[in-house]
Protein backbone atom coordinates (compact mmCIF):
# COMPACT_ATOMS: atom_id res chain seq x y z
CA MET A 1 13.22 -9.45 -4.22
CA GLN A 2 12.55 -5.91 -3.00
CA GLU A 3 15.28 -4.06 -1.12
CA PRO A 4 14.77 -4.10 2.66
CA ILE A 5 13.47 -0.95 4.38
CA SER A 6 15.13 0.25 7.58
CA SER A 7 12.77 0.42 10.57
CA LEU A 8 14.27 3.92 11.12
CA SER A 9 13.40 5.15 7.61
CA ARG A 10 10.34 7.20 6.64
CA GLU A 11 9.57 6.96 2.93
CA TRP A 12 6.78 6.68 0.38
CA LEU A 13 5.92 3.10 -0.55
CA PRO A 14 4.41 3.06 -4.06
CA PHE A 15 2.15 0.37 -5.54
CA PHE A 16 0.91 0.63 -9.14
CA VAL A 17 -2.78 -0.22 -9.61
CA ARG A 18 -3.69 -1.08 -13.19
CA GLY A 19 -6.99 0.46 -14.29
CA ALA A 20 -7.21 2.98 -11.42
CA SER A 21 -8.15 6.54 -12.37
CA GLY A 22 -6.57 8.08 -9.27
CA THR A 23 -9.89 9.52 -8.10
CA GLU A 24 -11.10 6.51 -6.09
CA SER A 25 -10.53 6.06 -2.38
CA VAL A 26 -7.51 3.85 -1.76
CA GLN A 27 -6.32 2.00 1.33
CA ILE A 28 -3.29 -0.12 2.13
CA ALA A 29 -2.90 -2.94 4.67
CA PHE A 30 0.14 -4.81 5.99
CA THR A 31 -0.30 -8.37 7.25
CA SER A 32 1.79 -11.43 7.99
CA PRO A 33 2.65 -13.23 4.74
CA GLY A 34 -0.25 -15.35 3.51
CA VAL A 35 -2.81 -13.68 5.81
CA GLU A 36 -5.69 -11.69 4.33
CA PRO A 37 -6.40 -8.32 5.97
CA ASP A 38 -9.22 -7.71 8.46
CA GLU A 39 -11.24 -4.50 8.30
CA ALA A 40 -9.11 -3.02 11.12
CA ASP A 41 -5.89 -3.55 9.09
CA TRP A 42 -6.72 -0.94 6.44
CA THR A 43 -5.06 2.50 6.50
CA GLU A 44 -6.00 5.41 4.24
CA ALA A 45 -3.50 5.95 1.44
CA GLU A 46 -3.31 8.39 -1.45
CA TRP A 47 -2.63 8.50 -5.16
CA ASN A 48 0.60 9.96 -6.47
CA PRO A 49 -0.78 12.66 -8.80
CA ALA A 50 2.32 12.51 -11.02
CA SER A 51 1.73 8.80 -11.67
CA ILE A 52 -1.77 8.89 -13.16
CA THR A 53 -1.89 7.56 -16.73
CA ALA A 54 -4.42 5.87 -18.99
CA LYS A 55 -3.03 2.52 -17.73
CA GLY A 56 -3.55 3.21 -14.01
CA ALA A 57 -2.14 5.08 -11.04
CA GLU A 58 0.32 4.64 -8.19
CA ALA A 59 -1.15 4.26 -4.71
CA ARG A 60 1.27 5.29 -1.99
CA ILE A 61 1.58 5.50 1.77
CA LEU A 62 4.15 7.28 3.92
CA PHE A 63 5.73 4.39 5.82
CA GLY A 64 7.95 4.60 8.88
CA PRO A 65 8.27 6.50 12.16
CA GLY A 66 6.22 9.70 11.95
CA GLY A 67 4.55 8.55 8.73
CA THR A 68 1.02 7.38 8.08
CA THR A 69 1.90 3.89 9.33
CA SER A 70 4.94 1.89 10.44
CA ARG A 71 5.84 -1.66 11.38
CA SER A 72 8.55 -3.27 13.49
CA GLU A 73 11.23 -5.45 11.94
CA GLY A 74 9.84 -8.36 9.95
CA THR A 75 8.31 -9.42 6.65
CA TYR A 76 4.86 -8.14 5.68
CA GLN A 77 2.38 -8.84 2.90
CA VAL A 78 1.08 -5.60 1.38
CA TRP A 79 -2.52 -5.28 0.18
CA VAL A 80 -4.14 -2.42 -1.75
CA ARG A 81 -7.90 -1.86 -1.67
CA VAL A 82 -9.58 0.48 -4.14
CA VAL A 83 -13.06 1.66 -3.20
CA ALA A 84 -14.92 2.42 -6.43
CA PRO A 85 -18.57 1.40 -5.92
CA PRO A 86 -19.90 -0.99 -6.87
CA GLN A 87 -16.40 -2.47 -7.15
CA GLN A 88 -13.91 -2.88 -4.31
CA PRO A 89 -10.91 -4.83 -5.54
CA VAL A 90 -8.43 -6.08 -2.93
CA LEU A 91 -5.05 -6.62 -4.55
CA PRO A 92 -2.01 -8.41 -3.10
CA ALA A 93 0.93 -6.06 -3.76
CA GLY A 94 3.95 -8.12 -2.70
CA LEU A 95 6.14 -8.38 0.36
CA ILE A 96 8.15 -5.73 2.19
CA TYR A 97 11.09 -6.46 4.44
CA VAL A 98 11.62 -4.15 7.42
CA VAL A 99 15.06 -4.46 9.03
């Protein structure tokens, strides 16, 4: 179980994507658990340049007040979408707990 995140905190949330080169476009969505994201749910994210290896790269988003995105208290399913035409994998990335 992941440690909860305070709703007052602003921090990078990292998600490792196996096989990513770190040059593709990457987006992250937060939904209710068990709900797949709609097109409007996606937010632009970025790759952590220090994380890029032959095995993949770490997608990240600045989460919290004043960050790229934030959510109120609750539990959210995280999704990562890599746009690398012709492929566009959508990957479930676990749950986050905002308290």
